[in-house]
Amino acid sequence: MREIAGKYEAAGLKIALVISRFNELISQKLLDGAVDCLKRHGFADTDGVIVWVSGALEIPLVAKKLAASGQYDAVLALGAVIQGETAHFEVVAAESAKGIAQAALQTQVPVVNGILTTNTVEQAMARAGVKSGNKGFEAAMTAIETANILKQLK
């Protein structure tokens, strides 16, 4: 039986990164982690683009546009949605996640959700590399793996 598994080789992949400027301190740390991951796995700077958007709700539209362009093997969405005093947190977290999933399904290009949803700034900082690894790095690993799986399925 044939087995298909993703490789962690980014050389030759074209990857777009869409990052929320809202909570930029955290977003930048996620971006740093993602870029570190990509470079460690052979990615060339000339094979990617970084697009900054206002917030998490703007990510799905831009990610879909990039994915639909046919120029990228994967799109990586990064940002942080942190609980506030209102229900706005739930709306932003749910709608951005839904939009990212729809972008991937509609374009058939991996659009990886690397948006943190946390209760506190401290939790977000911990997940952005301060204490418990960097979720941007992990999201980039997912993008590399999924892009390579899809290449094998063609």
N, C-alpha and C. Protein backbone atom coordinates (compact mmCIF):
# COMPACT_ATOMS: atom_id res chain seq x y z
N MET A 1 0.84 -1.18 0.00
CA MET A 1 0.00 0.00 0.00
C MET A 1 0.89 1.25 0.00
N ARG A 2 0.54 2.20 -0.79
CA ARG A 2 1.28 3.46 -0.89
C ARG A 2 0.97 4.33 0.32
N GLU A 3 1.99 4.96 0.85
CA GLU A 3 1.81 5.85 2.00
C GLU A 3 2.29 7.24 1.62
N ILE A 4 1.51 8.23 1.97
CA ILE A 4 1.85 9.62 1.71
C ILE A 4 2.03 10.32 3.05
N ALA A 5 3.15 10.98 3.20
CA ALA A 5 3.42 11.73 4.42
C ALA A 5 4.10 13.04 4.04
N GLY A 6 3.82 14.06 4.79
CA GLY A 6 4.42 15.36 4.52
C GLY A 6 5.89 15.39 4.88
N LYS A 7 6.65 16.09 4.06
CA LYS A 7 8.06 16.30 4.33
C LYS A 7 8.22 17.69 4.94
N TYR A 8 9.25 17.84 5.71
CA TYR A 8 9.53 19.15 6.30
C TYR A 8 10.66 19.81 5.52
N GLU A 9 10.42 19.97 4.23
CA GLU A 9 11.39 20.59 3.33
C GLU A 9 10.71 21.78 2.66
N ALA A 10 11.21 22.97 2.94
CA ALA A 10 10.58 24.18 2.41
C ALA A 10 11.27 24.72 1.17
N ALA A 11 12.40 24.14 0.78
CA ALA A 11 13.11 24.63 -0.41
C ALA A 11 12.19 24.50 -1.62
N GLY A 12 12.06 25.59 -2.34
CA GLY A 12 11.24 25.60 -3.54
C GLY A 12 9.78 25.91 -3.31
N LEU A 13 9.33 25.88 -2.06
CA LEU A 13 7.94 26.23 -1.78
C LEU A 13 7.76 27.74 -1.86
N LYS A 14 6.60 28.15 -2.29
CA LYS A 14 6.21 29.56 -2.30
C LYS A 14 5.19 29.73 -1.18
N ILE A 15 5.50 30.61 -0.23
CA ILE A 15 4.63 30.76 0.94
C ILE A 15 4.37 32.24 1.21
N ALA A 16 3.10 32.55 1.44
CA ALA A 16 2.69 33.90 1.82
C ALA A 16 2.33 33.90 3.30
N LEU A 17 2.71 34.95 4.00
CA LEU A 17 2.38 35.11 5.41
C LEU A 17 1.52 36.36 5.56
N VAL A 18 0.36 36.20 6.20
CA VAL A 18 -0.55 37.32 6.46
C VAL A 18 -0.59 37.52 7.96
N ILE A 19 -0.24 38.73 8.40
CA ILE A 19 -0.09 38.99 9.83
C ILE A 19 -0.95 40.17 10.26
N SER A 20 -1.60 40.01 11.39
CA SER A 20 -2.40 41.07 11.98
C SER A 20 -1.52 42.08 12.69
N ARG A 21 -1.73 43.35 12.38
CA ARG A 21 -1.00 44.41 13.05
C ARG A 21 -1.53 44.64 14.48
N PHE A 22 -2.80 44.30 14.71
CA PHE A 22 -3.39 44.42 16.04
C PHE A 22 -2.65 43.44 16.95
N ASN A 23 -2.28 43.87 18.14
CA ASN A 23 -1.43 43.08 19.04
C ASN A 23 -0.08 42.80 18.38
N GLU A 24 0.47 43.82 17.77
CA GLU A 24 1.67 43.69 16.94
C GLU A 24 2.88 43.12 17.67
N LEU A 25 3.02 43.42 18.94
CA LEU A 25 4.14 42.86 19.70
C LEU A 25 4.11 41.33 19.64
N ILE A 26 2.95 40.77 19.81
CA ILE A 26 2.79 39.32 19.77
C ILE A 26 2.89 38.81 18.34
N SER A 27 2.22 39.50 17.42
CA SER A 27 2.26 39.10 16.01
C SER A 27 3.69 39.06 15.49
N GLN A 28 4.49 40.04 15.87
CA GLN A 28 5.88 40.08 15.40
C GLN A 28 6.66 38.87 15.90
N LYS A 29 6.42 38.47 17.14
CA LYS A 29 7.10 37.29 17.69
C LYS A 29 6.66 36.02 16.95
N LEU A 30 5.38 35.94 16.61
CA LEU A 30 4.89 34.80 15.83
C LEU A 30 5.53 34.80 14.44
N LEU A 31 5.62 35.96 13.84
CA LEU A 31 6.26 36.08 12.53
C LEU A 31 7.72 35.67 12.60
N ASP A 32 8.42 36.13 13.62
CA ASP A 32 9.83 35.76 13.80
C ASP A 32 9.97 34.24 13.90
N GLY A 33 9.09 33.60 14.65
CA GLY A 33 9.12 32.15 14.79
C GLY A 33 8.84 31.44 13.47
N ALA A 34 7.87 31.95 12.72
CA ALA A 34 7.52 31.33 11.44
C ALA A 34 8.67 31.46 10.44
N VAL A 35 9.26 32.64 10.36
CA VAL A 35 10.38 32.86 9.43
C VAL A 35 11.57 32.00 9.83
N ASP A 36 11.84 31.91 11.12
CA ASP A 36 12.92 31.03 11.60
C ASP A 36 12.68 29.60 11.14
N CYS A 37 11.47 29.10 11.31
CA CYS A 37 11.13 27.74 10.90
C CYS A 37 11.34 27.56 9.41
N LEU A 38 10.80 28.47 8.62
CA LEU A 38 10.91 28.35 7.17
C LEU A 38 12.37 28.30 6.73
N LYS A 39 13.18 29.21 7.27
CA LYS A 39 14.60 29.25 6.89
C LYS A 39 15.34 27.99 7.32
N ARG A 40 15.03 27.48 8.51
CA ARG A 40 15.67 26.25 8.98
C ARG A 40 15.36 25.06 8.08
N HIS A 41 14.27 25.17 7.35
CA HIS A 41 13.85 24.07 6.48
C HIS A 41 14.09 24.38 5.00
N GLY A 42 14.99 25.32 4.72
CA GLY A 42 15.45 25.53 3.35
C GLY A 42 14.70 26.56 2.54
N PHE A 43 13.82 27.33 3.16
CA PHE A 43 13.03 28.34 2.45
C PHE A 43 13.90 29.53 2.07
N ALA A 44 13.71 30.03 0.86
CA ALA A 44 14.43 31.21 0.38
C ALA A 44 13.52 32.44 0.53
N ASP A 45 14.07 33.54 1.04
CA ASP A 45 13.29 34.77 1.22
C ASP A 45 12.59 35.20 -0.06
N THR A 46 13.23 34.95 -1.18
CA THR A 46 12.66 35.38 -2.47
C THR A 46 11.43 34.56 -2.87
N ASP A 47 11.13 33.50 -2.14
CA ASP A 47 9.98 32.65 -2.45
C ASP A 47 8.75 32.98 -1.62
N GLY A 48 8.78 34.11 -0.93
CA GLY A 48 7.65 34.44 -0.08
C GLY A 48 7.32 35.91 -0.04
N VAL A 49 6.21 36.19 0.60
CA VAL A 49 5.77 37.57 0.82
C VAL A 49 5.16 37.65 2.21
N ILE A 50 5.35 38.79 2.85
CA ILE A 50 4.74 39.07 4.16
C ILE A 50 3.77 40.22 3.94
N VAL A 51 2.51 40.00 4.33
CA VAL A 51 1.48 41.02 4.17
C VAL A 51 0.90 41.35 5.53
N TRP A 52 1.03 42.60 5.94
CA TRP A 52 0.46 43.06 7.21
C TRP A 52 -0.95 43.58 6.96
N VAL A 53 -1.91 43.19 7.82
CA VAL A 53 -3.28 43.69 7.74
C VAL A 53 -3.67 44.27 9.10
N SER A 54 -4.79 44.95 9.14
CA SER A 54 -5.21 45.63 10.37
C SER A 54 -5.44 44.68 11.54
N GLY A 55 -6.24 43.65 11.32
CA GLY A 55 -6.58 42.76 12.42
C GLY A 55 -6.94 41.37 11.93
N ALA A 56 -7.36 40.53 12.87
CA ALA A 56 -7.65 39.14 12.55
C ALA A 56 -8.81 38.98 11.58
N LEU A 57 -9.78 39.88 11.62
CA LEU A 57 -10.91 39.78 10.71
C LEU A 57 -10.54 40.09 9.26
N GLU A 58 -9.45 40.80 9.05
CA GLU A 58 -9.02 41.12 7.69
C GLU A 58 -8.15 40.00 7.09
N ILE A 59 -7.67 39.12 7.93
CA ILE A 59 -6.78 38.05 7.46
C ILE A 59 -7.44 37.13 6.43
N PRO A 60 -8.66 36.62 6.66
CA PRO A 60 -9.21 35.66 5.71
C PRO A 60 -9.33 36.17 4.27
N LEU A 61 -9.78 37.40 4.10
CA LEU A 61 -9.93 37.95 2.75
C LEU A 61 -8.58 38.02 2.03
N VAL A 62 -7.59 38.56 2.71
CA VAL A 62 -6.26 38.70 2.10
C VAL A 62 -5.64 37.31 1.88
N ALA A 63 -5.82 36.41 2.83
CA ALA A 63 -5.29 35.06 2.68
C ALA A 63 -5.94 34.36 1.49
N LYS A 64 -7.23 34.52 1.34
CA LYS A 64 -7.92 33.90 0.20
C LYS A 64 -7.42 34.47 -1.12
N LYS A 65 -7.26 35.76 -1.18
CA LYS A 65 -6.76 36.41 -2.41
C LYS A 65 -5.37 35.86 -2.76
N LEU A 66 -4.50 35.74 -1.78
CA LEU A 66 -3.16 35.20 -2.01
C LEU A 66 -3.23 33.73 -2.45
N ALA A 67 -4.05 32.94 -1.77
CA ALA A 67 -4.17 31.53 -2.10
C ALA A 67 -4.74 31.34 -3.51
N ALA A 68 -5.73 32.15 -3.87
CA ALA A 68 -6.38 32.04 -5.18
C ALA A 68 -5.49 32.54 -6.32
N SER A 69 -4.42 33.26 -6.00
CA SER A 69 -3.56 33.83 -7.04
C SER A 69 -2.80 32.77 -7.82
N GLY A 70 -2.67 31.58 -7.25
CA GLY A 70 -1.90 30.53 -7.91
C GLY A 70 -0.40 30.68 -7.74
N GLN A 71 0.02 31.68 -6.98
CA GLN A 71 1.45 31.95 -6.81
C GLN A 71 2.05 31.24 -5.59
N TYR A 72 1.20 30.72 -4.69
CA TYR A 72 1.71 30.21 -3.42
C TYR A 72 1.28 28.77 -3.17
N ASP A 73 2.17 28.01 -2.56
CA ASP A 73 1.88 26.63 -2.17
C ASP A 73 1.16 26.58 -0.83
N ALA A 74 1.30 27.63 -0.04
CA ALA A 74 0.63 27.71 1.26
C ALA A 74 0.56 29.17 1.69
N VAL A 75 -0.41 29.45 2.54
CA VAL A 75 -0.57 30.78 3.13
C VAL A 75 -0.63 30.56 4.63
N LEU A 76 0.08 31.38 5.35
CA LEU A 76 0.16 31.27 6.80
C LEU A 76 -0.45 32.52 7.43
N ALA A 77 -1.46 32.33 8.28
CA ALA A 77 -2.15 33.43 8.96
C ALA A 77 -1.65 33.52 10.40
N LEU A 78 -1.19 34.70 10.79
CA LEU A 78 -0.64 34.88 12.14
C LEU A 78 -1.25 36.11 12.81
N GLY A 79 -1.46 36.00 14.10
CA GLY A 79 -1.97 37.12 14.88
C GLY A 79 -2.36 36.65 16.27
N ALA A 80 -2.99 37.55 17.01
CA ALA A 80 -3.43 37.22 18.37
C ALA A 80 -4.75 37.92 18.66
N VAL A 81 -5.70 37.14 19.14
CA VAL A 81 -6.97 37.68 19.60
C VAL A 81 -7.02 37.39 21.10
N ILE A 82 -7.09 38.46 21.88
CA ILE A 82 -7.01 38.32 23.34
C ILE A 82 -8.32 38.77 23.96
N GLN A 83 -8.82 37.97 24.90
CA GLN A 83 -10.08 38.25 25.57
C GLN A 83 -10.10 39.65 26.18
N GLY A 84 -11.16 40.36 25.93
CA GLY A 84 -11.35 41.67 26.55
C GLY A 84 -12.56 41.62 27.46
N GLU A 85 -13.17 42.76 27.67
CA GLU A 85 -14.30 42.85 28.58
C GLU A 85 -15.64 42.62 27.89
N THR A 86 -15.63 42.46 26.56
CA THR A 86 -16.88 42.29 25.83
C THR A 86 -16.86 40.97 25.05
N ALA A 87 -17.97 40.67 24.40
CA ALA A 87 -18.10 39.45 23.61
C ALA A 87 -17.41 39.57 22.25
N HIS A 88 -16.82 40.70 21.97
CA HIS A 88 -16.14 40.92 20.68
C HIS A 88 -15.08 39.85 20.44
N PHE A 89 -14.42 39.41 21.48
CA PHE A 89 -13.39 38.37 21.39
C PHE A 89 -13.92 37.12 20.69
N GLU A 90 -15.10 36.65 21.13
CA GLU A 90 -15.68 35.44 20.56
C GLU A 90 -15.99 35.61 19.08
N VAL A 91 -16.51 36.76 18.72
CA VAL A 91 -16.85 37.03 17.32
C VAL A 91 -15.59 37.04 16.46
N VAL A 92 -14.58 37.77 16.88
CA VAL A 92 -13.35 37.87 16.10
C VAL A 92 -12.66 36.51 15.99
N ALA A 93 -12.56 35.79 17.08
CA ALA A 93 -11.92 34.47 17.06
C ALA A 93 -12.66 33.51 16.14
N ALA A 94 -13.97 33.44 16.29
CA ALA A 94 -14.76 32.49 15.50
C ALA A 94 -14.78 32.86 14.02
N GLU A 95 -15.01 34.12 13.72
CA GLU A 95 -15.14 34.52 12.31
C GLU A 95 -13.81 34.47 11.57
N SER A 96 -12.73 34.80 12.23
CA SER A 96 -11.43 34.70 11.55
C SER A 96 -11.08 33.24 11.29
N ALA A 97 -11.34 32.38 12.25
CA ALA A 97 -11.07 30.94 12.06
C ALA A 97 -11.93 30.38 10.94
N LYS A 98 -13.21 30.74 10.93
CA LYS A 98 -14.11 30.26 9.89
C LYS A 98 -13.66 30.74 8.51
N GLY A 99 -13.28 32.01 8.43
CA GLY A 99 -12.84 32.57 7.15
C GLY A 99 -11.56 31.92 6.64
N ILE A 100 -10.65 31.62 7.54
CA ILE A 100 -9.39 30.96 7.15
C ILE A 100 -9.69 29.56 6.62
N ALA A 101 -10.55 28.82 7.31
CA ALA A 101 -10.91 27.48 6.86
C ALA A 101 -11.60 27.53 5.50
N GLN A 102 -12.50 28.48 5.31
CA GLN A 102 -13.18 28.62 4.02
C GLN A 102 -12.20 28.97 2.91
N ALA A 103 -11.24 29.83 3.20
CA ALA A 103 -10.25 30.20 2.18
C ALA A 103 -9.48 28.98 1.71
N ALA A 104 -9.10 28.12 2.63
CA ALA A 104 -8.37 26.90 2.26
C ALA A 104 -9.25 25.97 1.43
N LEU A 105 -10.46 25.74 1.88
CA LEU A 105 -11.34 24.82 1.17
C LEU A 105 -11.72 25.34 -0.21
N GLN A 106 -11.96 26.63 -0.32
CA GLN A 106 -12.39 27.20 -1.60
C GLN A 106 -11.25 27.29 -2.61
N THR A 107 -10.02 27.46 -2.14
CA THR A 107 -8.90 27.61 -3.08
C THR A 107 -8.09 26.34 -3.25
N GLN A 108 -8.28 25.37 -2.35
CA GLN A 108 -7.51 24.13 -2.35
C GLN A 108 -6.02 24.38 -2.11
N VAL A 109 -5.72 25.46 -1.42
CA VAL A 109 -4.36 25.81 -1.01
C VAL A 109 -4.37 25.82 0.52
N PRO A 110 -3.36 25.22 1.15
CA PRO A 110 -3.33 25.27 2.62
C PRO A 110 -3.28 26.71 3.12
N VAL A 111 -4.25 27.07 3.93
CA VAL A 111 -4.25 28.36 4.61
C VAL A 111 -4.25 27.99 6.10
N VAL A 112 -3.10 28.13 6.71
CA VAL A 112 -2.88 27.62 8.07
C VAL A 112 -3.21 28.70 9.09
N ASN A 113 -4.04 28.32 10.06
CA ASN A 113 -4.46 29.25 11.11
C ASN A 113 -3.43 29.27 12.24
N GLY A 114 -2.65 30.33 12.28
CA GLY A 114 -1.68 30.54 13.35
C GLY A 114 -2.07 31.71 14.22
N ILE A 115 -3.38 31.95 14.33
CA ILE A 115 -3.87 33.06 15.16
C ILE A 115 -4.11 32.54 16.57
N LEU A 116 -3.42 33.13 17.52
CA LEU A 116 -3.62 32.77 18.93
C LEU A 116 -4.95 33.31 19.41
N THR A 117 -5.64 32.55 20.24
CA THR A 117 -6.84 33.04 20.93
C THR A 117 -6.62 32.73 22.41
N THR A 118 -6.37 33.76 23.17
CA THR A 118 -6.02 33.57 24.58
C THR A 118 -6.86 34.47 25.48
N ASN A 119 -6.83 34.13 26.75
CA ASN A 119 -7.56 34.93 27.74
C ASN A 119 -6.78 36.15 28.20
N THR A 120 -5.44 36.06 28.14
CA THR A 120 -4.62 37.15 28.66
C THR A 120 -3.43 37.42 27.73
N VAL A 121 -2.86 38.59 27.88
CA VAL A 121 -1.65 38.95 27.15
C VAL A 121 -0.51 38.01 27.56
N GLU A 122 -0.46 37.66 28.83
CA GLU A 122 0.59 36.77 29.32
C GLU A 122 0.53 35.41 28.62
N GLN A 123 -0.69 34.88 28.44
CA GLN A 123 -0.84 33.61 27.73
C GLN A 123 -0.38 33.74 26.28
N ALA A 124 -0.72 34.85 25.66
CA ALA A 124 -0.32 35.07 24.27
C ALA A 124 1.20 35.17 24.17
N MET A 125 1.81 35.90 25.08
CA MET A 125 3.27 36.03 25.06
C MET A 125 3.95 34.68 25.25
N ALA A 126 3.40 33.87 26.14
CA ALA A 126 3.98 32.54 26.38
C ALA A 126 3.94 31.70 25.11
N ARG A 127 2.85 31.79 24.37
CA ARG A 127 2.69 31.00 23.14
C ARG A 127 3.44 31.61 21.96
N ALA A 128 3.89 32.83 22.11
CA ALA A 128 4.65 33.50 21.04
C ALA A 128 6.15 33.36 21.27
N GLY A 129 6.54 32.46 22.14
CA GLY A 129 7.96 32.16 22.29
C GLY A 129 8.59 32.52 23.60
N VAL A 130 7.85 33.15 24.50
CA VAL A 130 8.46 33.55 25.77
C VAL A 130 8.67 32.35 26.69
N LYS A 131 7.68 31.43 26.75
CA LYS A 131 7.80 30.31 27.69
C LYS A 131 7.59 28.94 27.04
N SER A 132 6.55 28.81 26.26
CA SER A 132 6.15 27.46 25.83
C SER A 132 6.26 27.27 24.32
N GLY A 133 7.38 27.60 23.75
CA GLY A 133 7.54 27.44 22.30
C GLY A 133 6.91 28.58 21.55
N ASN A 134 6.99 28.52 20.25
CA ASN A 134 6.46 29.59 19.41
C ASN A 134 5.44 28.99 18.46
N LYS A 135 4.20 29.40 18.60
CA LYS A 135 3.12 28.87 17.76
C LYS A 135 3.26 29.31 16.31
N GLY A 136 3.99 30.39 16.05
CA GLY A 136 4.29 30.78 14.67
C GLY A 136 5.18 29.75 14.01
N PHE A 137 6.17 29.27 14.75
CA PHE A 137 7.06 28.21 14.27
C PHE A 137 6.24 26.96 13.95
N GLU A 138 5.35 26.58 14.88
CA GLU A 138 4.53 25.39 14.69
C GLU A 138 3.60 25.52 13.49
N ALA A 139 3.02 26.70 13.31
CA ALA A 139 2.12 26.92 12.17
C ALA A 139 2.90 26.82 10.86
N ALA A 140 4.13 27.32 10.84
CA ALA A 140 4.96 27.21 9.63
C ALA A 140 5.28 25.75 9.33
N MET A 141 5.52 24.95 10.35
CA MET A 141 5.75 23.52 10.15
C MET A 141 4.52 22.87 9.49
N THR A 142 3.35 23.26 9.96
CA THR A 142 2.11 22.73 9.39
C THR A 142 1.97 23.14 7.92
N ALA A 143 2.30 24.39 7.62
CA ALA A 143 2.22 24.87 6.23
C ALA A 143 3.17 24.08 5.33
N ILE A 144 4.40 23.86 5.77
CA ILE A 144 5.38 23.11 5.00
C ILE A 144 4.87 21.69 4.76
N GLU A 145 4.45 21.04 5.82
CA GLU A 145 4.00 19.65 5.73
C GLU A 145 2.80 19.52 4.79
N THR A 146 1.80 20.37 4.96
CA THR A 146 0.59 20.27 4.17
C THR A 146 0.85 20.59 2.70
N ALA A 147 1.68 21.59 2.44
CA ALA A 147 2.02 21.92 1.05
C ALA A 147 2.71 20.73 0.38
N ASN A 148 3.58 20.07 1.10
CA ASN A 148 4.27 18.90 0.53
C ASN A 148 3.33 17.71 0.32
N ILE A 149 2.37 17.54 1.20
CA ILE A 149 1.38 16.47 1.01
C ILE A 149 0.58 16.74 -0.26
N LEU A 150 0.12 17.97 -0.42
CA LEU A 150 -0.68 18.29 -1.60
C LEU A 150 0.11 18.14 -2.90
N LYS A 151 1.40 18.44 -2.87
CA LYS A 151 2.24 18.22 -4.05
C LYS A 151 2.28 16.74 -4.42
N GLN A 152 2.30 15.87 -3.43
CA GLN A 152 2.32 14.43 -3.69
C GLN A 152 0.98 13.92 -4.20
N LEU A 153 -0.10 14.60 -3.88
CA LEU A 153 -1.42 14.17 -4.30
C LEU A 153 -1.78 14.61 -5.71
N LYS A 154 -0.98 15.47 -6.32
CA LYS A 154 -1.27 15.96 -7.68
C LYS A 154 -1.09 14.87 -8.69
